[in-house]
């Protein structure tokens, strides 16, 4: 099924997760419009979408740095990326 792009199931799951997160943010924005702007991680006023983008960008840097410096396995950067995402969304 995924052979036309030489994807693996973990890669497909990452993209499914990203699209699911975007879908959830769209549903929350429809239900509660306005974006809930507040001061974010970098000291900027951010909305939910901004915080998702910052968390995804930080996650990619965490994984790339881990692969460049340490290599496999990827369980530790996964834990750090989840912690980064929680920090991005819960930081006031």
PDB file of N, CA and C in Angstrom:
ATOM      1  N   UNK A   1       0.815  -1.198   0.000  1.00  0.00           N
ATOM      2  CA  UNK A   1       0.000   0.000   0.000  1.00  0.00           C
ATOM      3  C   UNK A   1       0.862   1.267   0.000  1.00  0.00           C
ATOM      4  N   UNK A   2       1.930   1.282   0.757  1.00  0.00           N
ATOM      5  CA  UNK A   2       2.783   2.467   0.844  1.00  0.00           C
ATOM      6  C   UNK A   2       4.022   2.367  -0.034  1.00  0.00           C
ATOM      7  N   UNK A   3       4.119   1.340  -0.866  1.00  0.00           N
ATOM      8  CA  UNK A   3       5.338   1.109  -1.630  1.00  0.00           C
ATOM      9  C   UNK A   3       5.557   2.131  -2.743  1.00  0.00           C
ATOM     10  N   UNK A   4       4.534   2.835  -3.167  1.00  0.00           N
ATOM     11  CA  UNK A   4       4.694   3.790  -4.260  1.00  0.00           C
ATOM     12  C   UNK A   4       5.578   4.962  -3.865  1.00  0.00           C
ATOM     13  N   UNK A   5       5.735   5.234  -2.564  1.00  0.00           N
ATOM     14  CA  UNK A   5       6.634   6.302  -2.123  1.00  0.00           C
ATOM     15  C   UNK A   5       7.771   5.771  -1.272  1.00  0.00           C
ATOM     16  N   UNK A   6       7.872   4.469  -1.168  1.00  0.00           N
ATOM     17  CA  UNK A   6       8.896   3.823  -0.348  1.00  0.00           C
ATOM     18  C   UNK A   6       8.804   4.277   1.106  1.00  0.00           C
ATOM     19  N   UNK A   7       7.581   4.481   1.586  1.00  0.00           N
ATOM     20  CA  UNK A   7       7.353   4.859   2.971  1.00  0.00           C
ATOM     21  C   UNK A   7       7.345   3.630   3.847  1.00  0.00           C
ATOM     22  N   UNK A   8       7.661   3.860   5.103  1.00  0.00           N
ATOM     23  CA  UNK A   8       7.517   2.808   6.100  1.00  0.00           C
ATOM     24  C   UNK A   8       6.293   3.149   6.948  1.00  0.00           C
ATOM     25  N   UNK A   9       5.836   2.177   7.699  1.00  0.00           N
ATOM     26  CA  UNK A   9       4.676   2.436   8.566  1.00  0.00           C
ATOM     27  C   UNK A   9       4.955   3.496   9.621  1.00  0.00           C
ATOM     28  N   UNK A  10       6.134   3.529  10.243  1.00  0.00           N
ATOM     29  CA  UNK A  10       6.392   4.611  11.201  1.00  0.00           C
ATOM     30  C   UNK A  10       6.316   5.999  10.563  1.00  0.00           C
ATOM     31  N   UNK A  11       6.817   6.134   9.325  1.00  0.00           N
ATOM     32  CA  UNK A  11       6.732   7.419   8.639  1.00  0.00           C
ATOM     33  C   UNK A  11       5.279   7.793   8.374  1.00  0.00           C
ATOM     34  N   UNK A  12       4.502   6.831   7.932  1.00  0.00           N
ATOM     35  CA  UNK A  12       3.082   7.082   7.682  1.00  0.00           C
ATOM     36  C   UNK A  12       2.375   7.480   8.971  1.00  0.00           C
ATOM     37  N   UNK A  13       2.719   6.843  10.072  1.00  0.00           N
ATOM     38  CA  UNK A  13       2.082   7.168  11.352  1.00  0.00           C
ATOM     39  C   UNK A  13       2.420   8.585  11.810  1.00  0.00           C
ATOM     40  N   UNK A  14       3.649   9.034  11.538  1.00  0.00           N
ATOM     41  CA  UNK A  14       4.023  10.410  11.885  1.00  0.00           C
ATOM     42  C   UNK A  14       3.140  11.394  11.125  1.00  0.00           C
ATOM     43  N   UNK A  15       2.991  11.177   9.833  1.00  0.00           N
ATOM     44  CA  UNK A  15       2.169  12.091   9.041  1.00  0.00           C
ATOM     45  C   UNK A  15       0.694  11.986   9.406  1.00  0.00           C
ATOM     46  N   UNK A  16       0.211  10.801   9.706  1.00  0.00           N
ATOM     47  CA  UNK A  16      -1.163  10.653  10.178  1.00  0.00           C
ATOM     48  C   UNK A  16      -1.348  11.421  11.484  1.00  0.00           C
ATOM     49  N   UNK A  17      -0.355  11.354  12.370  1.00  0.00           N
ATOM     50  CA  UNK A  17      -0.419  12.102  13.628  1.00  0.00           C
ATOM     51  C   UNK A  17      -0.446  13.600  13.409  1.00  0.00           C
ATOM     52  N   UNK A  18       0.368  14.095  12.479  1.00  0.00           N
ATOM     53  CA  UNK A  18       0.392  15.533  12.187  1.00  0.00           C
ATOM     54  C   UNK A  18      -0.946  15.979  11.626  1.00  0.00           C
ATOM     55  N   UNK A  19      -1.482  15.228  10.662  1.00  0.00           N
ATOM     56  CA  UNK A  19      -2.770  15.602  10.082  1.00  0.00           C
ATOM     57  C   UNK A  19      -3.900  15.488  11.091  1.00  0.00           C
ATOM     58  N   UNK A  20      -3.817  14.524  11.997  1.00  0.00           N
ATOM     59  CA  UNK A  20      -4.816  14.406  13.060  1.00  0.00           C
ATOM     60  C   UNK A  20      -4.741  15.594  14.000  1.00  0.00           C
ATOM     61  N   UNK A  21      -3.538  16.027  14.352  1.00  0.00           N
ATOM     62  CA  UNK A  21      -3.375  17.198  15.229  1.00  0.00           C
ATOM     63  C   UNK A  21      -3.940  18.443  14.566  1.00  0.00           C
ATOM     64  N   UNK A  22      -3.687  18.604  13.268  1.00  0.00           N
ATOM     65  CA  UNK A  22      -4.242  19.757  12.556  1.00  0.00           C
ATOM     66  C   UNK A  22      -5.760  19.678  12.528  1.00  0.00           C
ATOM     67  N   UNK A  23      -6.307  18.493  12.300  1.00  0.00           N
ATOM     68  CA  UNK A  23      -7.755  18.321  12.312  1.00  0.00           C
ATOM     69  C   UNK A  23      -8.372  18.636  13.661  1.00  0.00           C
ATOM     70  N   UNK A  24      -7.710  18.215  14.727  1.00  0.00           N
ATOM     71  CA  UNK A  24      -8.200  18.514  16.078  1.00  0.00           C
ATOM     72  C   UNK A  24      -8.170  20.016  16.324  1.00  0.00           C
ATOM     73  N   UNK A  25      -7.087  20.684  15.892  1.00  0.00           N
ATOM     74  CA  UNK A  25      -7.009  22.137  16.071  1.00  0.00           C
ATOM     75  C   UNK A  25      -8.091  22.857  15.274  1.00  0.00           C
ATOM     76  N   UNK A  26      -8.410  22.364  14.080  1.00  0.00           N
ATOM     77  CA  UNK A  26      -9.492  22.961  13.295  1.00  0.00           C
ATOM     78  C   UNK A  26     -10.815  22.806  14.030  1.00  0.00           C
ATOM     79  N   UNK A  27     -11.075  21.613  14.563  1.00  0.00           N
ATOM     80  CA  UNK A  27     -12.321  21.374  15.296  1.00  0.00           C
ATOM     81  C   UNK A  27     -12.405  22.252  16.546  1.00  0.00           C
ATOM     82  N   UNK A  28     -11.305  22.394  17.278  1.00  0.00           N
ATOM     83  CA  UNK A  28     -11.300  23.232  18.476  1.00  0.00           C
ATOM     84  C   UNK A  28     -11.498  24.702  18.086  1.00  0.00           C
ATOM     85  N   UNK A  29     -10.905  25.120  16.982  1.00  0.00           N
ATOM     86  CA  UNK A  29     -11.054  26.511  16.538  1.00  0.00           C
ATOM     87  C   UNK A  29     -12.495  26.803  16.108  1.00  0.00           C
ATOM     88  N   UNK A  30     -13.141  25.821  15.490  1.00  0.00           N
ATOM     89  CA  UNK A  30     -14.550  26.005  15.122  1.00  0.00           C
ATOM     90  C   UNK A  30     -15.406  26.095  16.379  1.00  0.00           C
ATOM     91  N   UNK A  31     -15.104  25.261  17.351  1.00  0.00           N
ATOM     92  CA  UNK A  31     -15.894  25.233  18.599  1.00  0.00           C
ATOM     93  C   UNK A  31     -15.618  26.461  19.466  1.00  0.00           C
ATOM     94  N   UNK A  32     -14.352  26.865  19.578  1.00  0.00           N
ATOM     95  CA  UNK A  32     -13.942  28.005  20.403  1.00  0.00           C
ATOM     96  C   UNK A  32     -13.076  28.943  19.564  1.00  0.00           C
ATOM     97  N   UNK A  33     -13.681  29.819  18.754  1.00  0.00           N
ATOM     98  CA  UNK A  33     -12.877  30.689  17.888  1.00  0.00           C
ATOM     99  C   UNK A  33     -12.045  31.695  18.683  1.00  0.00           C
ATOM    100  N   UNK A  34     -10.995  32.157  18.060  1.00  0.00           N
ATOM    101  CA  UNK A  34     -10.172  33.187  18.680  1.00  0.00           C
ATOM    102  C   UNK A  34      -8.739  32.778  18.882  1.00  0.00           C
ATOM    103  N   UNK A  35      -8.439  31.499  18.923  1.00  0.00           N
ATOM    104  CA  UNK A  35      -7.065  31.045  19.010  1.00  0.00           C
ATOM    105  C   UNK A  35      -6.465  31.016  20.395  1.00  0.00           C
ATOM    106  N   UNK A  36      -7.141  31.597  21.413  1.00  0.00           N
ATOM    107  CA  UNK A  36      -6.626  31.556  22.775  1.00  0.00           C
ATOM    108  C   UNK A  36      -5.192  32.098  22.827  1.00  0.00           C
ATOM    109  N   UNK A  37      -5.004  33.305  22.308  1.00  0.00           N
ATOM    110  CA  UNK A  37      -3.659  33.893  22.246  1.00  0.00           C
ATOM    111  C   UNK A  37      -3.115  34.137  23.647  1.00  0.00           C
ATOM    112  N   UNK A  38      -1.863  33.767  23.843  1.00  0.00           N
ATOM    113  CA  UNK A  38      -1.179  33.993  25.121  1.00  0.00           C
ATOM    114  C   UNK A  38       0.321  33.987  24.887  1.00  0.00           C
ATOM    115  N   UNK A  39       1.045  34.361  25.918  1.00  0.00           N
ATOM    116  CA  UNK A  39       2.506  34.414  25.817  1.00  0.00           C
ATOM    117  C   UNK A  39       3.037  32.985  25.756  1.00  0.00           C
ATOM    118  N   UNK A  40       3.848  32.705  24.744  1.00  0.00           N
ATOM    119  CA  UNK A  40       4.320  31.350  24.510  1.00  0.00           C
ATOM    120  C   UNK A  40       5.732  31.101  24.994  1.00  0.00           C
ATOM    121  N   UNK A  41       6.299  30.015  24.493  1.00  0.00           N
ATOM    122  CA  UNK A  41       7.613  29.538  24.917  1.00  0.00           C
ATOM    123  C   UNK A  41       8.712  30.551  24.628  1.00  0.00           C
ATOM    124  N   UNK A  42       8.683  31.144  23.461  1.00  0.00           N
ATOM    125  CA  UNK A  42       9.749  32.047  23.055  1.00  0.00           C
ATOM    126  C   UNK A  42       9.503  33.491  23.477  1.00  0.00           C
ATOM    127  N   UNK A  43       8.502  33.720  24.311  1.00  0.00           N
ATOM    128  CA  UNK A  43       8.175  35.066  24.751  1.00  0.00           C
ATOM    129  C   UNK A  43       7.281  35.800  23.769  1.00  0.00           C
ATOM    130  N   UNK A  44       6.805  35.109  22.750  1.00  0.00           N
ATOM    131  CA  UNK A  44       5.932  35.693  21.749  1.00  0.00           C
ATOM    132  C   UNK A  44       4.481  35.404  22.097  1.00  0.00           C
ATOM    133  N   UNK A  45       3.582  36.270  21.646  1.00  0.00           N
ATOM    134  CA  UNK A  45       2.162  35.976  21.785  1.00  0.00           C
ATOM    135  C   UNK A  45       1.793  34.986  20.688  1.00  0.00           C
ATOM    136  N   UNK A  46       1.309  33.807  21.082  1.00  0.00           N
ATOM    137  CA  UNK A  46       1.042  32.743  20.127  1.00  0.00           C
ATOM    138  C   UNK A  46      -0.387  32.243  20.257  1.00  0.00           C
ATOM    139  N   UNK A  47      -0.878  31.647  19.176  1.00  0.00           N
ATOM    140  CA  UNK A  47      -2.170  30.978  19.168  1.00  0.00           C
ATOM    141  C   UNK A  47      -1.925  29.471  19.203  1.00  0.00           C
ATOM    142  N   UNK A  48      -3.010  28.698  19.192  1.00  0.00           N
ATOM    143  CA  UNK A  48      -2.854  27.234  19.210  1.00  0.00           C
ATOM    144  C   UNK A  48      -2.048  26.747  18.008  1.00  0.00           C
ATOM    145  N   UNK A  49      -2.351  27.279  16.836  1.00  0.00           N
ATOM    146  CA  UNK A  49      -1.642  26.862  15.625  1.00  0.00           C
ATOM    147  C   UNK A  49      -0.164  27.206  15.679  1.00  0.00           C
ATOM    148  N   UNK A  50       0.150  28.377  16.215  1.00  0.00           N
ATOM    149  CA  UNK A  50       1.559  28.764  16.372  1.00  0.00           C
ATOM    150  C   UNK A  50       2.283  27.800  17.302  1.00  0.00           C
ATOM    151  N   UNK A  51       1.623  27.433  18.386  1.00  0.00           N
ATOM    152  CA  UNK A  51       2.251  26.514  19.347  1.00  0.00           C
ATOM    153  C   UNK A  51       2.438  25.128  18.741  1.00  0.00           C
ATOM    154  N   UNK A  52       1.472  24.684  17.900  1.00  0.00           N
ATOM    155  CA  UNK A  52       1.646  23.403  17.215  1.00  0.00           C
ATOM    156  C   UNK A  52       2.842  23.473  16.271  1.00  0.00           C
ATOM    157  N   UNK A  53       2.954  24.560  15.504  1.00  0.00           N
ATOM    158  CA  UNK A  53       4.066  24.708  14.579  1.00  0.00           C
ATOM    159  C   UNK A  53       5.403  24.726  15.319  1.00  0.00           C
ATOM    160  N   UNK A  54       5.489  25.466  16.415  1.00  0.00           N
ATOM    161  CA  UNK A  54       6.731  25.534  17.192  1.00  0.00           C
ATOM    162  C   UNK A  54       7.078  24.163  17.767  1.00  0.00           C
ATOM    163  N   UNK A  55       6.070  23.439  18.246  1.00  0.00           N
ATOM    164  CA  UNK A  55       6.348  22.119  18.809  1.00  0.00           C
ATOM    165  C   UNK A  55       6.785  21.135  17.721  1.00  0.00           C
ATOM    166  N   UNK A  56       6.187  21.184  16.527  1.00  0.00           N
ATOM    167  CA  UNK A  56       6.614  20.302  15.437  1.00  0.00           C
ATOM    168  C   UNK A  56       8.017  20.658  14.945  1.00  0.00           C
ATOM    169  N   UNK A  57       8.303  21.943  14.856  1.00  0.00           N
ATOM    170  CA  UNK A  57       9.627  22.375  14.434  1.00  0.00           C
ATOM    171  C   UNK A  57      10.689  21.945  15.462  1.00  0.00           C
ATOM    172  N   UNK A  58      10.390  22.146  16.738  1.00  0.00           N
ATOM    173  CA  UNK A  58      11.316  21.716  17.785  1.00  0.00           C
ATOM    174  C   UNK A  58      11.511  20.213  17.797  1.00  0.00           C
ATOM    175  N   UNK A  59      10.435  19.475  17.549  1.00  0.00           N
ATOM    176  CA  UNK A  59      10.522  18.019  17.500  1.00  0.00           C
ATOM    177  C   UNK A  59      11.447  17.561  16.389  1.00  0.00           C
ATOM    178  N   UNK A  60      11.343  18.189  15.226  1.00  0.00           N
ATOM    179  CA  UNK A  60      12.232  17.793  14.124  1.00  0.00           C
ATOM    180  C   UNK A  60      13.688  18.092  14.473  1.00  0.00           C
ATOM    181  N   UNK A  61      13.948  19.225  15.120  1.00  0.00           N
ATOM    182  CA  UNK A  61      15.323  19.537  15.522  1.00  0.00           C
ATOM    183  C   UNK A  61      15.835  18.563  16.585  1.00  0.00           C
ATOM    184  N   UNK A  62      14.972  18.176  17.506  1.00  0.00           N
ATOM    185  CA  UNK A  62      15.382  17.204  18.527  1.00  0.00           C
ATOM    186  C   UNK A  62      15.800  15.891  17.873  1.00  0.00           C
ATOM    187  N   UNK A  63      14.975  15.387  16.940  1.00  0.00           N
ATOM    188  CA  UNK A  63      15.298  14.123  16.289  1.00  0.00           C
ATOM    189  C   UNK A  63      16.537  14.231  15.403  1.00  0.00           C
ATOM    190  N   UNK A  64      16.670  15.342  14.663  1.00  0.00           N
ATOM    191  CA  UNK A  64      17.842  15.490  13.805  1.00  0.00           C
ATOM    192  C   UNK A  64      19.124  15.602  14.632  1.00  0.00           C
ATOM    193  N   UNK A  65      19.076  16.350  15.722  1.00  0.00           N
ATOM    194  CA  UNK A  65      20.257  16.470  16.589  1.00  0.00           C
ATOM    195  C   UNK A  65      20.605  15.121  17.206  1.00  0.00           C
ATOM    196  N   UNK A  66      19.592  14.388  17.638  1.00  0.00           N
ATOM    197  CA  UNK A  66      19.839  13.076  18.241  1.00  0.00           C
ATOM    198  C   UNK A  66      20.474  12.131  17.219  1.00  0.00           C
ATOM    199  N   UNK A  67      19.913  12.104  16.013  1.00  0.00           N
ATOM    200  CA  UNK A  67      20.475  11.223  14.987  1.00  0.00           C
ATOM    201  C   UNK A  67      21.896  11.633  14.618  1.00  0.00           C
ATOM    202  N   UNK A  68      22.163  12.928  14.581  1.00  0.00           N
ATOM    203  CA  UNK A  68      23.500  13.394  14.238  1.00  0.00           C
ATOM    204  C   UNK A  68      24.527  13.154  15.319  1.00  0.00           C
ATOM    205  N   UNK A  69      24.116  13.247  16.572  1.00  0.00           N
ATOM    206  CA  UNK A  69      25.072  13.139  17.679  1.00  0.00           C
ATOM    207  C   UNK A  69      25.143  11.747  18.288  1.00  0.00           C
ATOM    208  N   UNK A  70      23.997  11.051  18.357  1.00  0.00           N
ATOM    209  CA  UNK A  70      23.949   9.775  19.072  1.00  0.00           C
ATOM    210  C   UNK A  70      23.651   8.613  18.137  1.00  0.00           C
ATOM    211  N   UNK A  71      22.646   8.757  17.315  1.00  0.00           N
ATOM    212  CA  UNK A  71      22.232   7.656  16.441  1.00  0.00           C
ATOM    213  C   UNK A  71      20.997   6.969  16.992  1.00  0.00           C
ATOM    214  N   UNK A  72      20.946   5.681  16.808  1.00  0.00           N
ATOM    215  CA  UNK A  72      19.790   4.908  17.251  1.00  0.00           C
ATOM    216  C   UNK A  72      20.014   4.468  18.691  1.00  0.00           C
ATOM    217  N   UNK A  73      19.031   4.106  19.459  1.00  0.00           N
ATOM    218  CA  UNK A  73      17.585   4.065  19.235  1.00  0.00           C
ATOM    219  C   UNK A  73      16.959   5.448  19.426  1.00  0.00           C
ATOM    220  N   UNK A  74      15.721   5.583  19.008  1.00  0.00           N
ATOM    221  CA  UNK A  74      15.049   6.877  19.013  1.00  0.00           C
ATOM    222  C   UNK A  74      14.003   7.025  20.117  1.00  0.00           C
ATOM    223  N   UNK A  75      14.074   6.212  21.139  1.00  0.00           N
ATOM    224  CA  UNK A  75      13.093   6.318  22.229  1.00  0.00           C
ATOM    225  C   UNK A  75      13.327   7.544  23.097  1.00  0.00           C
ATOM    226  N   UNK A  76      14.594   7.881  23.349  1.00  0.00           N
ATOM    227  CA  UNK A  76      14.881   9.061  24.171  1.00  0.00           C
ATOM    228  C   UNK A  76      14.472  10.361  23.485  1.00  0.00           C
ATOM    229  N   UNK A  77      14.791  10.549  22.201  1.00  0.00           N
ATOM    230  CA  UNK A  77      14.318  11.788  21.574  1.00  0.00           C
ATOM    231  C   UNK A  77      12.801  11.835  21.450  1.00  0.00           C
ATOM    232  N   UNK A  78      12.157  10.676  21.356  1.00  0.00           N
ATOM    233  CA  UNK A  78      10.690  10.665  21.347  1.00  0.00           C
ATOM    234  C   UNK A  78      10.159  11.206  22.666  1.00  0.00           C
ATOM    235  N   UNK A  79      10.742  10.768  23.779  1.00  0.00           N
ATOM    236  CA  UNK A  79      10.325  11.272  25.087  1.00  0.00           C
ATOM    237  C   UNK A  79      10.599  12.771  25.210  1.00  0.00           C
ATOM    238  N   UNK A  80      11.769  13.208  24.710  1.00  0.00           N
ATOM    239  CA  UNK A  80      12.083  14.641  24.763  1.00  0.00           C
ATOM    240  C   UNK A  80      11.142  15.448  23.878  1.00  0.00           C
ATOM    241  N   UNK A  81      10.764  14.909  22.727  1.00  0.00           N
ATOM    242  CA  UNK A  81       9.859  15.612  21.824  1.00  0.00           C
ATOM    243  C   UNK A  81       8.462  15.725  22.426  1.00  0.00           C
ATOM    244  N   UNK A  82       8.000  14.685  23.093  1.00  0.00           N
ATOM    245  CA  UNK A  82       6.696  14.746  23.765  1.00  0.00           C
ATOM    246  C   UNK A  82       6.743  15.773  24.889  1.00  0.00           C
ATOM    247  N   UNK A  83       7.827  15.768  25.655  1.00  0.00           N
ATOM    248  CA  UNK A  83       7.966  16.764  26.728  1.00  0.00           C
ATOM    249  C   UNK A  83       8.016  18.175  26.155  1.00  0.00           C
ATOM    250  N   UNK A  84       8.699  18.372  25.028  1.00  0.00           N
ATOM    251  CA  UNK A  84       8.763  19.674  24.372  1.00  0.00           C
ATOM    252  C   UNK A  84       7.369  20.117  23.921  1.00  0.00           C
ATOM    253  N   UNK A  85       6.604  19.203  23.345  1.00  0.00           N
ATOM    254  CA  UNK A  85       5.246  19.534  22.912  1.00  0.00           C
ATOM    255  C   UNK A  85       4.353  19.924  24.073  1.00  0.00           C
ATOM    256  N   UNK A  86       4.447  19.182  25.164  1.00  0.00           N
ATOM    257  CA  UNK A  86       3.658  19.521  26.353  1.00  0.00           C
ATOM    258  C   UNK A  86       4.091  20.876  26.888  1.00  0.00           C
ATOM    259  N   UNK A  87       5.385  21.133  26.916  1.00  0.00           N
ATOM    260  CA  UNK A  87       5.899  22.416  27.382  1.00  0.00           C
ATOM    261  C   UNK A  87       5.400  23.560  26.502  1.00  0.00           C
ATOM    262  N   UNK A  88       5.396  23.351  25.194  1.00  0.00           N
ATOM    263  CA  UNK A  88       4.934  24.403  24.268  1.00  0.00           C
ATOM    264  C   UNK A  88       3.467  24.743  24.489  1.00  0.00           C
ATOM    265  N   UNK A  89       2.651  23.745  24.778  1.00  0.00           N
ATOM    266  CA  UNK A  89       1.225  23.989  24.911  1.00  0.00           C
ATOM    267  C   UNK A  89       0.803  24.419  26.319  1.00  0.00           C
ATOM    268  N   UNK A  90       1.582  24.048  27.335  1.00  0.00           N
ATOM    269  CA  UNK A  90       1.182  24.370  28.704  1.00  0.00           C
ATOM    270  C   UNK A  90       1.920  25.547  29.284  1.00  0.00           C
ATOM    271  N   UNK A  91       2.952  26.043  28.624  1.00  0.00           N
ATOM    272  CA  UNK A  91       3.689  27.211  29.109  1.00  0.00           C
ATOM    273  C   UNK A  91       2.787  28.431  29.074  1.00  0.00           C
ATOM    274  N   UNK A  92       2.775  29.167  30.148  1.00  0.00           N
ATOM    275  CA  UNK A  92       1.922  30.382  30.202  1.00  0.00           C
ATOM    276  C   UNK A  92       2.768  31.609  30.073  1.00  0.00           C
TER     277      UNK A  92
END
